[in-house]
Amino acid sequence: MNEELSPLDCLLPSGKQRIGLIILNQPVDRDYLHALWSKALLTACADGAANHLYNITAGEKDSFLPDYISGDFDSITAEVRDFFADKVDAIVTLGGLGGRFDQVMATVETLHHALPMTQLPLLVIQETSLAYLLRPGTHRLGVNTGLEGDWCGLIPVGGPCLTTTSGLKWNLNNQVLEFGKLVSTSNTYEPVSPGAPRKCVTVNTDRPLLWSMGIHKEGGCWQTPSP
């Protein structure tokens, strides 16, 4: 079983994840940017994302200088990639889940391409949604940060997935998720007693499986208080 991962830990000031941050060419959320940039060990902009970063950081541009601006990331050597991979817990992409549906699907397809390139968790965050492509195997997902929304789901993008879960309201027991048969959308977490911590979600899958979850954005404890 893989080590527990709390997908929304990256947004918490007290979060312990060491992340690499990739910004895509879509509108950038200022709150998410500040929360993620402050702890990112590596920052990159994909093409026109540099324009969004430049515009949203007026008056403080010198504090938001990305390590890379590239379209295909071919400037990073294997040595440098391995160096950073040893010091980063997750790669977070800010943007990629909004706007045109075909581009959202392109984001998901890119996650599949990236699986053989790195063993790091690959997270995509935009607005009130997070997507995380799970590798084949067993995963423990921490969902007790206080930032989790009410919904979550498991989407078999790429092919049928034999899946078993725990910690969800509607768990799967060695069932096949497949388009045209069964897809776990609009799921939620196993109810707990008031004041009790929420249990980890465990997911076992035999093929890459997309985990999605809601983010409770309004009034989130990761936000900087207004003066």
C-alpha atoms as a PDB file:
ATOM      1  CA  MET A   1       0.000   0.000   0.000  1.00  0.00           C
ATOM      2  CA  ASN A   2       1.318   3.444  -0.925  1.00  0.00           C
ATOM      3  CA  GLU A   3       2.006   6.131   1.670  1.00  0.00           C
ATOM      4  CA  GLU A   4      -1.005   8.263   2.627  1.00  0.00           C
ATOM      5  CA  LEU A   5      -1.490  11.425   0.552  1.00  0.00           C
ATOM      6  CA  SER A   6      -3.809  14.305   1.487  1.00  0.00           C
ATOM      7  CA  PRO A   7      -4.499  15.902  -1.921  1.00  0.00           C
ATOM      8  CA  LEU A   8      -5.466  19.295  -0.435  1.00  0.00           C
ATOM      9  CA  ASP A   9      -2.505  19.468   1.946  1.00  0.00           C
ATOM     10  CA  CYS A  10      -0.768  21.603  -0.690  1.00  0.00           C
ATOM     11  CA  LEU A  11      -3.195  24.493  -0.009  1.00  0.00           C
ATOM     12  CA  LEU A  12      -2.705  24.566   3.761  1.00  0.00           C
ATOM     13  CA  PRO A  13      -0.162  26.989   5.326  1.00  0.00           C
ATOM     14  CA  SER A  14       0.709  24.151   7.688  1.00  0.00           C
ATOM     15  CA  GLY A  15       0.864  21.615   4.856  1.00  0.00           C
ATOM     16  CA  LYS A  16       3.998  19.490   4.630  1.00  0.00           C
ATOM     17  CA  GLN A  17       3.995  18.642   0.931  1.00  0.00           C
ATOM     18  CA  ARG A  18       6.972  19.842  -1.101  1.00  0.00           C
ATOM     19  CA  ILE A  19       5.554  20.688  -4.503  1.00  0.00           C
ATOM     20  CA  GLY A  20       6.466  21.691  -8.009  1.00  0.00           C
ATOM     21  CA  LEU A  21       3.964  24.199  -9.451  1.00  0.00           C
ATOM     22  CA  ILE A  22       2.981  24.326 -13.145  1.00  0.00           C
ATOM     23  CA  ILE A  23       0.688  27.136 -14.307  1.00  0.00           C
ATOM     24  CA  LEU A  24      -1.297  26.633 -17.511  1.00  0.00           C
ATOM     25  CA  ASN A  25      -2.627  29.158 -20.000  1.00  0.00           C
ATOM     26  CA  GLN A  26      -5.944  29.792 -18.240  1.00  0.00           C
ATOM     27  CA  PRO A  27      -7.146  32.438 -15.761  1.00  0.00           C
ATOM     28  CA  VAL A  28      -5.158  32.160 -12.531  1.00  0.00           C
ATOM     29  CA  ASP A  29      -6.846  32.206  -9.126  1.00  0.00           C
ATOM     30  CA  ARG A  30      -4.999  34.716  -6.931  1.00  0.00           C
ATOM     31  CA  ASP A  31      -5.664  32.894  -3.629  1.00  0.00           C
ATOM     32  CA  TYR A  32      -4.513  29.535  -4.956  1.00  0.00           C
ATOM     33  CA  LEU A  33      -1.464  31.159  -6.547  1.00  0.00           C
ATOM     34  CA  HIS A  34      -0.281  32.723  -3.289  1.00  0.00           C
ATOM     35  CA  ALA A  35      -0.935  29.552  -1.292  1.00  0.00           C
ATOM     36  CA  LEU A  36       0.943  27.312  -3.733  1.00  0.00           C
ATOM     37  CA  TRP A  37       3.752  29.640  -4.811  1.00  0.00           C
ATOM     38  CA  SER A  38       4.893  30.228  -1.251  1.00  0.00           C
ATOM     39  CA  LYS A  39       5.773  26.544  -0.809  1.00  0.00           C
ATOM     40  CA  ALA A  40       6.705  25.510  -4.366  1.00  0.00           C
ATOM     41  CA  LEU A  41      10.294  24.352  -4.820  1.00  0.00           C
ATOM     42  CA  LEU A  42       9.966  24.563  -8.603  1.00  0.00           C
ATOM     43  CA  THR A  43       7.690  26.867 -10.613  1.00  0.00           C
ATOM     44  CA  ALA A  44       6.926  26.748 -14.340  1.00  0.00           C
ATOM     45  CA  CYS A  45       4.636  28.495 -16.806  1.00  0.00           C
ATOM     46  CA  ALA A  46       3.374  26.806 -19.965  1.00  0.00           C
ATOM     47  CA  ASP A  47       3.472  29.276 -22.848  1.00  0.00           C
ATOM     48  CA  GLY A  48       0.810  31.985 -22.401  1.00  0.00           C
ATOM     49  CA  ALA A  49       0.442  31.187 -18.709  1.00  0.00           C
ATOM     50  CA  ALA A  50       3.278  33.672 -18.219  1.00  0.00           C
ATOM     51  CA  ASN A  51       0.884  36.396 -19.381  1.00  0.00           C
ATOM     52  CA  HIS A  52      -1.676  35.481 -16.711  1.00  0.00           C
ATOM     53  CA  LEU A  53       1.020  35.368 -14.050  1.00  0.00           C
ATOM     54  CA  TYR A  54       2.387  38.753 -15.129  1.00  0.00           C
ATOM     55  CA  ASN A  55      -1.049  40.410 -15.068  1.00  0.00           C
ATOM     56  CA  ILE A  56      -2.246  38.989 -11.748  1.00  0.00           C
ATOM     57  CA  THR A  57       0.925  39.943  -9.853  1.00  0.00           C
ATOM     58  CA  ALA A  58       0.940  43.667 -10.620  1.00  0.00           C
ATOM     59  CA  GLY A  59       3.068  45.513  -8.077  1.00  0.00           C
ATOM     60  CA  GLU A  60       4.872  42.354  -6.919  1.00  0.00           C
ATOM     61  CA  LYS A  61       6.131  40.818 -10.155  1.00  0.00           C
ATOM     62  CA  ASP A  62       9.686  40.386  -8.861  1.00  0.00           C
ATOM     63  CA  SER A  63       8.349  37.985  -6.242  1.00  0.00           C
ATOM     64  CA  PHE A  64       6.751  35.752  -8.886  1.00  0.00           C
ATOM     65  CA  LEU A  65       9.538  34.814 -11.283  1.00  0.00           C
ATOM     66  CA  PRO A  66       9.016  31.242 -12.567  1.00  0.00           C
ATOM     67  CA  ASP A  67      11.934  28.887 -12.869  1.00  0.00           C
ATOM     68  CA  TYR A  68      10.817  27.848 -16.353  1.00  0.00           C
ATOM     69  CA  ILE A  69       8.671  29.264 -19.154  1.00  0.00           C
ATOM     70  CA  SER A  70       8.307  26.597 -21.812  1.00  0.00           C
ATOM     71  CA  GLY A  71       5.885  24.841 -24.093  1.00  0.00           C
ATOM     72  CA  ASP A  72       7.344  21.349 -23.984  1.00  0.00           C
ATOM     73  CA  PHE A  73       9.715  21.404 -20.978  1.00  0.00           C
ATOM     74  CA  ASP A  74      12.585  20.067 -23.070  1.00  0.00           C
ATOM     75  CA  SER A  75      15.057  22.465 -21.405  1.00  0.00           C
ATOM     76  CA  ILE A  76      15.303  20.403 -18.209  1.00  0.00           C
ATOM     77  CA  THR A  77      18.006  17.714 -18.165  1.00  0.00           C
ATOM     78  CA  ALA A  78      17.552  14.250 -16.679  1.00  0.00           C
ATOM     79  CA  GLU A  79      20.040  15.151 -13.945  1.00  0.00           C
ATOM     80  CA  VAL A  80      18.158  18.268 -12.931  1.00  0.00           C
ATOM     81  CA  ARG A  81      14.803  16.476 -13.179  1.00  0.00           C
ATOM     82  CA  ASP A  82      16.064  13.705 -10.906  1.00  0.00           C
ATOM     83  CA  PHE A  83      17.497  16.285  -8.491  1.00  0.00           C
ATOM     84  CA  PHE A  84      14.141  18.009  -8.058  1.00  0.00           C
ATOM     85  CA  ALA A  85      12.167  14.758  -8.075  1.00  0.00           C
ATOM     86  CA  ASP A  86      14.035  13.729  -4.936  1.00  0.00           C
ATOM     87  CA  LYS A  87      12.946  16.915  -3.138  1.00  0.00           C
ATOM     88  CA  VAL A  88       9.334  17.290  -4.324  1.00  0.00           C
ATOM     89  CA  ASP A  89       6.355  15.394  -2.917  1.00  0.00           C
ATOM     90  CA  ALA A  90       3.838  16.295  -5.617  1.00  0.00           C
ATOM     91  CA  ILE A  91       3.458  18.237  -8.849  1.00  0.00           C
ATOM     92  CA  VAL A  92       0.490  20.628  -8.805  1.00  0.00           C
ATOM     93  CA  THR A  93      -0.964  22.061 -11.992  1.00  0.00           C
ATOM     94  CA  LEU A  94      -2.962  25.259 -11.445  1.00  0.00           C
ATOM     95  CA  GLY A  95      -5.575  25.473 -14.183  1.00  0.00           C
ATOM     96  CA  GLY A  96      -6.723  22.930 -16.750  1.00  0.00           C
ATOM     97  CA  LEU A  97     -10.177  21.983 -15.464  1.00  0.00           C
ATOM     98  CA  GLY A  98     -12.180  24.966 -16.688  1.00  0.00           C
ATOM     99  CA  GLY A  99     -13.355  26.440 -19.966  1.00  0.00           C
ATOM    100  CA  ARG A 100     -13.585  24.305 -23.106  1.00  0.00           C
ATOM    101  CA  PHE A 101     -14.491  20.673 -22.543  1.00  0.00           C
ATOM    102  CA  ASP A 102     -12.043  19.398 -25.172  1.00  0.00           C
ATOM    103  CA  GLN A 103      -9.205  21.142 -23.353  1.00  0.00           C
ATOM    104  CA  VAL A 104     -10.298  19.640 -20.027  1.00  0.00           C
ATOM    105  CA  MET A 105     -10.096  16.218 -21.656  1.00  0.00           C
ATOM    106  CA  ALA A 106      -6.666  17.153 -23.024  1.00  0.00           C
ATOM    107  CA  THR A 107      -5.562  17.859 -19.442  1.00  0.00           C
ATOM    108  CA  VAL A 108      -6.688  14.390 -18.374  1.00  0.00           C
ATOM    109  CA  GLU A 109      -4.951  12.825 -21.374  1.00  0.00           C
ATOM    110  CA  THR A 110      -1.741  14.667 -20.487  1.00  0.00           C
ATOM    111  CA  LEU A 111      -1.876  13.120 -17.000  1.00  0.00           C
ATOM    112  CA  HIS A 112      -1.817   9.691 -18.657  1.00  0.00           C
ATOM    113  CA  HIS A 113       1.228  10.705 -20.717  1.00  0.00           C
ATOM    114  CA  ALA A 114       2.987  11.947 -17.577  1.00  0.00           C
ATOM    115  CA  LEU A 115       2.623   8.722 -15.565  1.00  0.00           C
ATOM    116  CA  PRO A 116       5.774   7.071 -16.987  1.00  0.00           C
ATOM    117  CA  MET A 117       7.727  10.338 -16.691  1.00  0.00           C
ATOM    118  CA  THR A 118       7.590  10.673 -12.903  1.00  0.00           C
ATOM    119  CA  GLN A 119       6.542   8.696  -9.846  1.00  0.00           C
ATOM    120  CA  LEU A 120       5.300  11.866  -8.124  1.00  0.00           C
ATOM    121  CA  PRO A 121       1.565  12.432  -7.603  1.00  0.00           C
ATOM    122  CA  LEU A 122       0.197  14.720 -10.335  1.00  0.00           C
ATOM    123  CA  LEU A 123      -2.573  17.015  -9.069  1.00  0.00           C
ATOM    124  CA  VAL A 124      -4.681  19.453 -11.099  1.00  0.00           C
ATOM    125  CA  ILE A 125      -6.531  22.241  -9.254  1.00  0.00           C
ATOM    126  CA  GLN A 126      -8.935  24.854 -10.583  1.00  0.00           C
ATOM    127  CA  GLU A 127     -11.807  26.683  -8.928  1.00  0.00           C
ATOM    128  CA  THR A 128     -13.555  24.154  -6.641  1.00  0.00           C
ATOM    129  CA  SER A 129     -12.217  20.961  -8.206  1.00  0.00           C
ATOM    130  CA  LEU A 130      -9.150  18.746  -7.887  1.00  0.00           C
ATOM    131  CA  ALA A 131      -8.206  15.876 -10.207  1.00  0.00           C
ATOM    132  CA  TYR A 132      -5.557  13.238  -9.458  1.00  0.00           C
ATOM    133  CA  LEU A 133      -4.749  10.315 -11.734  1.00  0.00           C
ATOM    134  CA  LEU A 134      -4.143   7.277  -9.518  1.00  0.00           C
ATOM    135  CA  ARG A 135      -1.618   4.693 -10.680  1.00  0.00           C
ATOM    136  CA  PRO A 136      -2.427   0.981 -10.566  1.00  0.00           C
ATOM    137  CA  GLY A 137      -2.135  -0.193  -6.978  1.00  0.00           C
ATOM    138  CA  THR A 138      -3.449   0.824  -3.564  1.00  0.00           C
ATOM    139  CA  HIS A 139      -3.720   4.462  -2.484  1.00  0.00           C
ATOM    140  CA  ARG A 140      -4.517   6.051   0.885  1.00  0.00           C
ATOM    141  CA  LEU A 141      -6.030   9.524   0.507  1.00  0.00           C
ATOM    142  CA  GLY A 142      -6.190  11.804   3.533  1.00  0.00           C
ATOM    143  CA  VAL A 143      -9.449  13.780   3.390  1.00  0.00           C
ATOM    144  CA  ASN A 144      -9.455  15.501   6.776  1.00  0.00           C
ATOM    145  CA  THR A 145      -7.757  18.836   6.043  1.00  0.00           C
ATOM    146  CA  GLY A 146     -10.997  20.828   6.361  1.00  0.00           C
ATOM    147  CA  LEU A 147     -10.748  21.959   2.731  1.00  0.00           C
ATOM    148  CA  GLU A 148     -12.656  19.037   1.247  1.00  0.00           C
ATOM    149  CA  GLY A 149     -16.000  19.742  -0.381  1.00  0.00           C
ATOM    150  CA  ASP A 150     -18.933  17.357  -0.153  1.00  0.00           C
ATOM    151  CA  TRP A 151     -18.374  15.429  -3.375  1.00  0.00           C
ATOM    152  CA  CYS A 152     -15.794  13.093  -4.811  1.00  0.00           C
ATOM    153  CA  GLY A 153     -15.650  10.632  -7.669  1.00  0.00           C
ATOM    154  CA  LEU A 154     -13.691   7.936  -9.473  1.00  0.00           C
ATOM    155  CA  ILE A 155     -13.685   8.195 -13.261  1.00  0.00           C
ATOM    156  CA  PRO A 156     -12.281   5.344 -15.418  1.00  0.00           C
ATOM    157  CA  VAL A 157     -10.802   7.529 -18.156  1.00  0.00           C
ATOM    158  CA  GLY A 158      -8.691   5.324 -20.420  1.00  0.00           C
ATOM    159  CA  GLY A 159     -10.302   1.934 -19.882  1.00  0.00           C
ATOM    160  CA  PRO A 160     -12.144  -0.303 -17.408  1.00  0.00           C
ATOM    161  CA  CYS A 161     -10.750  -0.364 -13.866  1.00  0.00           C
ATOM    162  CA  LEU A 162     -11.242  -3.156 -11.330  1.00  0.00           C
ATOM    163  CA  THR A 163     -11.749  -1.121  -8.169  1.00  0.00           C
ATOM    164  CA  THR A 164     -12.154  -1.571  -4.427  1.00  0.00           C
ATOM    165  CA  THR A 165     -12.551   1.344  -1.993  1.00  0.00           C
ATOM    166  CA  SER A 166     -13.110   2.187   1.659  1.00  0.00           C
ATOM    167  CA  GLY A 167     -13.941   5.452   3.400  1.00  0.00           C
ATOM    168  CA  LEU A 168     -16.657   6.450   0.920  1.00  0.00           C
ATOM    169  CA  LYS A 169     -20.401   6.567   1.453  1.00  0.00           C
ATOM    170  CA  TRP A 170     -20.846   4.292  -1.568  1.00  0.00           C
ATOM    171  CA  ASN A 171     -17.856   1.976  -1.665  1.00  0.00           C
ATOM    172  CA  LEU A 172     -16.827  -0.351  -4.462  1.00  0.00           C
ATOM    173  CA  ASN A 173     -16.025  -4.000  -3.787  1.00  0.00           C
ATOM    174  CA  ASN A 174     -13.975  -5.506  -6.601  1.00  0.00           C
ATOM    175  CA  GLN A 175     -16.248  -3.826  -9.142  1.00  0.00           C
ATOM    176  CA  VAL A 176     -15.398  -2.737 -12.668  1.00  0.00           C
ATOM    177  CA  LEU A 177     -15.694   0.958 -13.408  1.00  0.00           C
ATOM    178  CA  GLU A 178     -16.241   1.515 -17.116  1.00  0.00           C
ATOM    179  CA  PHE A 179     -18.065   4.006 -19.319  1.00  0.00           C
ATOM    180  CA  GLY A 180     -21.394   2.517 -20.353  1.00  0.00           C
ATOM    181  CA  LYS A 181     -21.530   0.355 -17.206  1.00  0.00           C
ATOM    182  CA  LEU A 182     -20.608   2.032 -13.906  1.00  0.00           C
ATOM    183  CA  VAL A 183     -18.926   5.326 -13.027  1.00  0.00           C
ATOM    184  CA  SER A 184     -18.603   6.596  -9.445  1.00  0.00           C
ATOM    185  CA  THR A 185     -19.709  10.220  -9.709  1.00  0.00           C
ATOM    186  CA  SER A 186     -21.416  12.323  -7.010  1.00  0.00           C
ATOM    187  CA  ASN A 187     -19.964  10.101  -4.308  1.00  0.00           C
ATOM    188  CA  THR A 188     -19.083  11.469  -0.877  1.00  0.00           C
ATOM    189  CA  TYR A 189     -17.215  10.431   2.260  1.00  0.00           C
ATOM    190  CA  GLU A 190     -18.199   7.894   4.905  1.00  0.00           C
ATOM    191  CA  PRO A 191     -20.236   9.651   7.625  1.00  0.00           C
ATOM    192  CA  VAL A 192     -18.534  10.029  11.001  1.00  0.00           C
ATOM    193  CA  SER A 193     -19.734  11.147  14.393  1.00  0.00           C
ATOM    194  CA  PRO A 194     -19.767  14.934  15.028  1.00  0.00           C
ATOM    195  CA  GLY A 195     -16.271  16.101  15.941  1.00  0.00           C
ATOM    196  CA  ALA A 196     -14.644  12.828  14.880  1.00  0.00           C
ATOM    197  CA  PRO A 197     -11.914  12.906  12.222  1.00  0.00           C
ATOM    198  CA  ARG A 198     -12.885  11.671   8.788  1.00  0.00           C
ATOM    199  CA  LYS A 199     -11.390   8.312   7.801  1.00  0.00           C
ATOM    200  CA  CYS A 200      -8.844   8.005   5.015  1.00  0.00           C
ATOM    201  CA  VAL A 201     -10.171   6.945   1.644  1.00  0.00           C
ATOM    202  CA  THR A 202      -8.434   3.886   0.225  1.00  0.00           C
ATOM    203  CA  VAL A 203      -8.600   3.043  -3.460  1.00  0.00           C
ATOM    204  CA  ASN A 204      -7.242  -0.073  -5.110  1.00  0.00           C
ATOM    205  CA  THR A 205      -7.267  -0.130  -8.907  1.00  0.00           C
ATOM    206  CA  ASP A 206      -5.696  -2.324 -11.552  1.00  0.00           C
ATOM    207  CA  ARG A 207      -5.400   0.504 -14.109  1.00  0.00           C
ATOM    208  CA  PRO A 208      -4.946   4.311 -14.003  1.00  0.00           C
ATOM    209  CA  LEU A 209      -8.082   5.788 -12.418  1.00  0.00           C
ATOM    210  CA  LEU A 210      -9.013   9.457 -12.103  1.00  0.00           C
ATOM    211  CA  TRP A 211      -9.826  10.613  -8.556  1.00  0.00           C
ATOM    212  CA  SER A 212     -11.796  13.869  -8.405  1.00  0.00           C
ATOM    213  CA  MET A 213     -12.882  15.841  -5.358  1.00  0.00           C
ATOM    214  CA  GLY A 214     -14.477  19.121  -4.424  1.00  0.00           C
ATOM    215  CA  ILE A 215     -12.617  21.948  -2.693  1.00  0.00           C
ATOM    216  CA  HIS A 216     -14.374  24.053  -0.060  1.00  0.00           C
ATOM    217  CA  LYS A 217     -12.947  27.341  -1.299  1.00  0.00           C
ATOM    218  CA  GLU A 218     -15.006  30.000   0.463  1.00  0.00           C
ATOM    219  CA  GLY A 219     -13.540  30.771   3.863  1.00  0.00           C
ATOM    220  CA  GLY A 220     -10.889  28.096   3.481  1.00  0.00           C
ATOM    221  CA  CYS A 221      -8.346  28.007   6.309  1.00  0.00           C
ATOM    222  CA  TRP A 222      -5.518  28.351   3.765  1.00  0.00           C
ATOM    223  CA  GLN A 223      -6.646  31.830   2.726  1.00  0.00           C
ATOM    224  CA  THR A 224      -4.839  34.940   3.903  1.00  0.00           C
ATOM    225  CA  PRO A 225      -7.125  36.902   6.309  1.00  0.00           C
ATOM    226  CA  SER A 226      -8.246  40.302   5.102  1.00  0.00           C
ATOM    227  CA  PRO A 227      -6.552  43.231   6.914  1.00  0.00           C
END
